[in-house]
Amino acid sequence: MWDERAPDETITVEIDNGFKVKVYQFGRGDEVLLCLNGGPGLPCDYLREPHAWLADRGYRVVACDQLGCGQSDKPADLSLWNVPRYVQELNQVMRALDLPKVHMLGHSWGTFLAADFALTFPGRIRSLVLADGAGDIPHLVSELDRLRAALGPETVEMMQRHEAEGTLDHPAYKAAVEILNYRHVCRLDNWPAPLRRSLDDWNMDVYGTMQGPNEFTFTGNYKDWSRLAEMHRIDEPTLIICGMHDELTPACSMRMHHALPNSTIKVFKNSSHMPFYEEPDAYFETLLGFLDAHRG
C-alpha cells in the first residue's frame, strides 16, 4: 500500500546547537499522525512512505530524519546519541511545527522514544501506537537469545566467539545475521525499495553507540533501558502491534500491554518486524480502526 509520493512539504527545523533536522509532511488534516522511525540512525523513508497514503484518509502524516541520519545534519559528536537528547529533539520539532495533540506512532527504536516522550511530556499525545517494540531491553535481549538459539548450538557458539573476538565481519557470522534478519526483520523475498534505501543510508555511528553492531546484539548505551515500571502513567489509548515472528517478540509486546492501563494488542501472524510491508491490508485496517476511534 506504499507509493513513492513526494511530501506535500519538506521543512527544516533548527534544534539546539544550531543543528538542522529535516521534516516531511503529507496532507493538511487537523489530525496529525507523527511517525517515529526505528534504527536508531535509520532514515525515515522506510516508515514514512508506507504511511503517507493516510493523508488521503484525512490525516496529516509527519515524519522526520532524526539528527544523525537521512537529510538531517550528521555531527560527529558521539555524545549526542542517547535517548534523553532524542526526546528533547522530538519536543523541539513538535514545538517548531506547532503541532496539536498528535497520534504518535513509534516503530522499533521509535517505541522507546515514544514511551520516553509520553512519560517526559504528559498530555502532548492523543493516542499512542507502539509498533514492533519493547518496554524492557534486558527482557528483549533474553528473547533475542532465544531466537538465536533456533539456529543451533554450533552456530550460536560461532556467533558468540566472533562477538568476543570482535570479528563481526567474518562471512560465517554475517551469514548467520542475514538468516536472522530474513526470519525476524522482514520475511519478504524482495525487500521494498524504501526499506532498502533507508538501510543503505544507515548511520552506524548512531546505531553502534546506542544499540550495538547488529539487530541481535545490544552493547550500546541503551542496553539497560526499561520503562515497564513507569508505563502505568501513560493513560492515553494505546495500540500495541507486532508480528508473530518479530525480532521484538510478541512476549515483549505482551509485557507492554500488561503495563499500559489503556492498551490493546494485535499480533500479525504472517509478519515479522515490518507488518506494514508484510501484511499491509490487515495492518492498515487495524491501524485506521484505532486512529479513527480516537480522533479529536
Protein backbone atom coordinates (compact mmCIF):
# COMPACT_ATOMS: atom_id res chain seq x y z
CA MET A 1 0.00 0.00 0.00
CA TRP A 2 3.02 2.24 -0.21
CA ASP A 3 3.88 4.55 -3.05
CA GLU A 4 6.67 6.92 -3.96
CA ARG A 5 4.59 10.05 -3.41
CA ALA A 6 6.53 13.20 -2.68
CA PRO A 7 5.90 15.06 0.58
CA ASP A 8 3.49 17.96 0.35
CA GLU A 9 6.00 19.94 2.38
CA THR A 10 9.60 19.45 3.48
CA ILE A 11 10.57 21.58 6.46
CA THR A 12 13.95 22.29 8.01
CA VAL A 13 13.80 22.66 11.79
CA GLU A 14 16.71 24.13 13.74
CA ILE A 15 17.25 22.49 17.11
CA ASP A 16 19.77 23.01 19.92
CA ASN A 17 23.34 23.92 18.95
CA GLY A 18 22.13 25.06 15.53
CA PHE A 19 21.73 21.56 14.16
CA LYS A 20 19.12 21.14 11.42
CA VAL A 21 16.58 18.33 11.20
CA LYS A 22 14.56 17.56 8.08
CA VAL A 23 10.81 17.01 8.48
CA TYR A 24 8.43 15.58 5.86
CA GLN A 25 4.68 16.30 5.82
CA PHE A 26 1.90 14.67 3.82
CA GLY A 27 -1.61 16.12 3.80
CA ARG A 28 -3.15 19.06 5.63
CA GLY A 29 -5.59 17.43 8.03
CA ASP A 30 -6.07 18.58 11.62
CA GLU A 31 -5.46 15.04 12.86
CA VAL A 32 -1.69 14.54 12.96
CA LEU A 33 -0.02 11.14 12.77
CA LEU A 34 3.59 11.63 13.87
CA CYS A 35 5.77 8.68 12.84
CA LEU A 36 8.96 7.88 14.77
CA ASN A 37 11.26 5.58 12.82
CA GLY A 38 13.39 2.73 14.01
CA GLY A 39 17.12 2.38 13.97
CA PRO A 40 18.47 4.42 15.61
CA GLY A 41 20.35 6.23 12.87
CA LEU A 42 17.98 4.98 10.18
CA PRO A 43 16.45 7.47 7.70
CA CYS A 44 12.67 7.59 7.90
CA ASP A 45 11.97 6.65 4.25
CA TYR A 46 11.02 3.06 5.11
CA LEU A 47 8.34 4.21 7.60
CA ARG A 48 7.03 7.42 6.09
CA GLU A 49 6.37 6.06 2.61
CA PRO A 50 4.02 3.18 3.54
CA HIS A 51 2.12 5.50 5.90
CA ALA A 52 2.00 8.57 3.62
CA TRP A 53 -1.22 7.44 1.91
CA LEU A 54 -3.08 8.00 5.20
CA ALA A 55 -3.12 11.65 4.10
CA ASP A 56 -5.93 10.51 1.78
CA ARG A 57 -7.91 9.48 4.87
CA GLY A 58 -7.76 12.92 6.47
CA TYR A 59 -4.55 12.59 8.47
CA ARG A 60 -1.56 14.89 8.30
CA VAL A 61 1.32 12.41 8.28
CA VAL A 62 4.56 13.82 9.68
CA ALA A 63 7.94 12.08 9.84
CA CYS A 64 11.47 13.31 10.28
CA ASP A 65 15.02 12.20 9.75
CA GLN A 66 16.28 12.32 13.32
CA LEU A 67 19.57 14.11 13.89
CA GLY A 68 22.38 11.97 12.53
CA CYS A 69 20.51 10.36 9.66
CA GLY A 70 18.98 10.91 6.25
CA GLN A 71 18.82 14.55 5.13
CA SER A 72 19.36 15.92 8.63
CA ASP A 73 22.71 17.11 9.95
CA LYS A 74 25.19 14.37 10.86
CA PRO A 75 27.54 15.72 13.52
CA ALA A 76 30.49 13.56 14.51
CA ASP A 77 29.98 14.01 18.27
CA LEU A 78 29.12 10.55 19.65
CA SER A 79 27.91 12.08 22.93
CA LEU A 80 24.78 13.27 21.08
CA TRP A 81 23.50 9.76 20.54
CA ASN A 82 21.37 8.93 23.57
CA VAL A 83 17.67 8.59 24.38
CA PRO A 84 17.20 11.73 26.57
CA ARG A 85 18.65 14.03 23.88
CA TYR A 86 16.41 12.49 21.23
CA VAL A 87 13.39 13.08 23.50
CA GLN A 88 14.30 16.77 23.71
CA GLU A 89 14.87 16.89 19.94
CA LEU A 90 11.40 15.47 19.35
CA ASN A 91 9.90 18.09 21.65
CA GLN A 92 11.69 20.87 19.77
CA VAL A 93 10.49 19.57 16.40
CA MET A 94 6.89 19.38 17.61
CA ARG A 95 7.04 22.89 19.03
CA ALA A 96 8.62 24.30 15.86
CA LEU A 97 5.81 22.80 13.77
CA ASP A 98 3.22 23.96 16.31
CA LEU A 99 1.68 20.51 16.28
CA PRO A 100 -1.53 19.92 18.20
CA LYS A 101 -2.02 16.78 20.25
CA VAL A 102 -0.76 14.07 17.95
CA HIS A 103 -1.35 10.44 17.28
CA MET A 104 2.21 9.19 17.86
CA LEU A 105 3.36 6.04 16.09
CA GLY A 106 6.72 4.66 17.09
CA HIS A 107 8.27 1.72 15.27
CA SER A 108 11.07 -0.40 16.77
CA TRP A 109 13.53 2.03 18.44
CA GLY A 110 10.81 4.62 17.87
CA THR A 111 8.72 2.85 20.53
CA PHE A 112 11.45 3.52 23.11
CA LEU A 113 11.49 7.17 22.07
CA ALA A 114 7.68 7.41 22.10
CA ALA A 115 7.41 5.89 25.58
CA ASP A 116 10.04 8.22 27.00
CA PHE A 117 8.38 11.20 25.32
CA ALA A 118 4.96 10.29 26.72
CA LEU A 119 6.45 9.99 30.22
CA THR A 120 8.51 13.19 29.95
CA PHE A 121 5.81 15.36 28.35
CA PRO A 122 2.44 14.08 29.55
CA GLY A 123 -0.62 15.44 27.76
CA ARG A 124 1.09 16.02 24.41
CA ILE A 125 -0.31 12.98 22.59
CA ARG A 126 -3.87 11.99 21.69
CA SER A 127 -3.15 8.31 21.13
CA LEU A 128 -0.10 6.09 21.00
CA VAL A 129 0.86 3.28 18.63
CA LEU A 130 3.79 1.10 19.70
CA ALA A 131 4.67 -0.97 16.65
CA ASP A 132 7.17 -3.83 16.85
CA GLY A 133 8.73 -2.53 20.05
CA ALA A 134 9.57 -3.34 23.63
CA GLY A 135 9.38 -1.73 27.04
CA ASP A 136 12.33 -3.54 28.58
CA ILE A 137 15.58 -4.15 26.69
CA PRO A 138 17.07 -6.68 29.15
CA HIS A 139 13.97 -8.83 28.56
CA LEU A 140 14.28 -8.22 24.81
CA VAL A 141 17.88 -9.46 24.92
CA SER A 142 16.72 -12.72 26.51
CA GLU A 143 14.15 -13.07 23.71
CA LEU A 144 16.79 -12.42 21.04
CA ASP A 145 18.97 -15.10 22.62
CA ARG A 146 16.02 -17.48 22.29
CA LEU A 147 15.64 -16.60 18.60
CA ARG A 148 19.36 -17.09 18.02
CA ALA A 149 19.23 -20.47 19.74
CA ALA A 150 16.96 -21.70 16.95
CA LEU A 151 20.00 -21.56 14.64
CA GLY A 152 21.53 -24.41 16.61
CA PRO A 153 24.20 -24.60 19.34
CA GLU A 154 27.17 -24.68 16.96
CA THR A 155 26.02 -21.54 15.16
CA VAL A 156 25.35 -19.74 18.44
CA GLU A 157 28.79 -20.71 19.69
CA MET A 158 30.32 -19.41 16.48
CA MET A 159 28.48 -16.10 16.80
CA GLN A 160 29.48 -15.68 20.43
CA ARG A 161 33.12 -16.39 19.60
CA HIS A 162 33.19 -13.77 16.85
CA GLU A 163 31.46 -11.26 19.13
CA ALA A 164 34.07 -11.88 21.83
CA GLU A 165 36.93 -11.58 19.34
CA GLY A 166 35.47 -8.55 17.58
CA THR A 167 35.46 -10.28 14.18
CA LEU A 168 31.89 -9.47 13.23
CA ASP A 169 32.85 -9.07 9.57
CA HIS A 170 33.60 -12.80 9.29
CA PRO A 171 31.49 -14.34 6.48
CA ALA A 172 30.06 -17.05 8.75
CA TYR A 173 28.92 -14.50 11.33
CA LYS A 174 27.42 -12.22 8.69
CA ALA A 175 25.59 -15.17 7.13
CA ALA A 176 24.02 -16.09 10.47
CA VAL A 177 22.85 -12.49 10.99
CA GLU A 178 21.38 -12.45 7.48
CA ILE A 179 19.36 -15.59 8.23
CA LEU A 180 18.05 -13.97 11.42
CA ASN A 181 17.17 -10.81 9.51
CA TYR A 182 15.11 -12.73 6.95
CA ARG A 183 13.39 -14.69 9.70
CA HIS A 184 12.69 -11.86 12.11
CA VAL A 185 13.11 -8.44 10.43
CA CYS A 186 11.34 -8.82 7.08
CA ARG A 187 10.17 -12.15 5.68
CA LEU A 188 9.54 -10.92 2.13
CA ASP A 189 11.73 -12.39 -0.61
CA ASN A 190 12.31 -8.91 -2.02
CA TRP A 191 12.60 -6.10 0.48
CA PRO A 192 10.71 -2.93 -0.57
CA ALA A 193 12.66 -0.07 -2.12
CA PRO A 194 12.06 2.43 0.73
CA LEU A 195 13.37 -0.12 3.23
CA ARG A 196 16.44 -0.82 1.14
CA ARG A 197 17.03 2.91 0.70
CA SER A 198 16.92 3.51 4.44
CA LEU A 199 19.20 0.55 5.17
CA ASP A 200 21.74 1.71 2.58
CA ASP A 201 21.98 5.11 4.34
CA TRP A 202 22.08 3.82 7.94
CA ASN A 203 24.37 5.87 10.20
CA MET A 204 26.15 3.10 12.05
CA ASP A 205 27.89 5.58 14.38
CA VAL A 206 24.49 6.38 15.90
CA TYR A 207 23.36 2.76 15.85
CA GLY A 208 26.59 1.37 17.27
CA THR A 209 26.72 3.96 20.06
CA MET A 210 23.15 3.36 21.19
CA GLN A 211 22.44 -0.28 20.30
CA GLY A 212 25.43 -2.27 19.07
CA PRO A 213 26.80 -3.96 15.94
CA ASN A 214 23.56 -5.59 14.72
CA GLU A 215 19.89 -6.22 15.50
CA PHE A 216 20.66 -9.21 17.71
CA THR A 217 23.48 -7.79 19.85
CA PHE A 218 22.88 -5.00 22.40
CA THR A 219 26.10 -3.42 23.67
CA GLY A 220 25.28 0.31 23.36
CA ASN A 221 24.25 2.95 25.86
CA TYR A 222 20.58 1.97 25.98
CA LYS A 223 21.13 -1.75 26.60
CA ASP A 224 19.73 -1.38 30.15
CA TRP A 225 16.75 0.82 29.17
CA SER A 226 13.42 -0.21 30.71
CA ARG A 227 10.16 1.67 31.25
CA LEU A 228 7.74 -1.12 32.16
CA ALA A 229 7.57 0.02 35.79
CA GLU A 230 6.57 3.53 34.70
CA MET A 231 4.19 2.79 31.85
CA HIS A 232 1.18 2.82 34.17
CA ARG A 233 1.48 6.63 33.99
CA ILE A 234 0.67 6.59 30.26
CA ASP A 235 -3.12 6.57 30.21
CA GLU A 236 -3.71 7.62 26.59
CA PRO A 237 -5.30 5.00 24.32
CA THR A 238 -2.50 2.76 23.08
CA LEU A 239 -2.36 0.22 20.27
CA ILE A 240 0.45 -2.34 20.51
CA ILE A 241 1.38 -4.08 17.26
CA CYS A 242 3.85 -6.84 16.46
CA GLY A 243 4.47 -9.73 14.12
CA MET A 244 4.32 -13.35 15.21
CA HIS A 245 7.92 -13.79 14.00
CA ASP A 246 9.11 -10.37 15.18
CA GLU A 247 12.64 -9.84 16.46
CA LEU A 248 10.96 -7.71 19.15
CA THR A 249 8.80 -10.62 20.03
CA PRO A 250 5.12 -10.94 20.98
CA ALA A 251 6.33 -11.59 24.53
CA CYS A 252 7.85 -8.08 24.53
CA SER A 253 4.58 -6.61 23.29
CA MET A 254 2.56 -8.53 25.86
CA ARG A 255 4.66 -7.08 28.69
CA MET A 256 3.87 -3.59 27.44
CA HIS A 257 0.21 -4.50 27.13
CA HIS A 258 0.10 -5.58 30.76
CA ALA A 259 1.94 -2.43 31.88
CA LEU A 260 -0.18 0.09 29.93
CA PRO A 261 -3.61 0.65 31.52
CA ASN A 262 -5.46 1.66 28.33
CA SER A 263 -3.96 -0.60 25.69
CA THR A 264 -4.99 -3.15 23.09
CA ILE A 265 -2.70 -5.55 21.27
CA LYS A 266 -2.65 -7.07 17.78
CA VAL A 267 -0.26 -9.78 16.60
CA PHE A 268 0.03 -10.30 12.84
CA LYS A 269 0.52 -14.00 12.24
CA ASN A 270 2.38 -13.80 8.93
CA SER A 271 4.71 -10.92 9.79
CA SER A 272 8.00 -10.31 11.48
CA HIS A 273 9.24 -6.75 12.16
CA MET A 274 7.57 -4.99 9.19
CA PRO A 275 3.85 -5.83 9.13
CA PHE A 276 3.11 -2.64 7.17
CA TYR A 277 5.03 -4.31 4.29
CA GLU A 278 4.39 -7.98 5.10
CA GLU A 279 0.62 -7.78 5.76
CA PRO A 280 -0.37 -4.28 4.67
CA ASP A 281 -4.12 -4.87 4.31
CA ALA A 282 -4.54 -6.31 7.81
CA TYR A 283 -2.07 -3.82 9.30
CA PHE A 284 -3.74 -0.70 7.94
CA GLU A 285 -7.23 -1.96 8.72
CA THR A 286 -6.12 -2.32 12.35
CA LEU A 287 -4.27 1.00 12.45
CA LEU A 288 -7.03 3.02 10.79
CA GLY A 289 -9.68 1.49 13.01
CA PHE A 290 -7.71 2.56 16.06
CA LEU A 291 -6.88 6.07 14.80
CA ASP A 292 -10.42 6.76 13.63
CA ALA A 293 -11.80 5.70 17.01
CA HIS A 294 -9.62 8.29 18.76
CA ARG A 295 -9.95 11.36 16.56
CA GLY A 296 -10.11 14.64 18.41
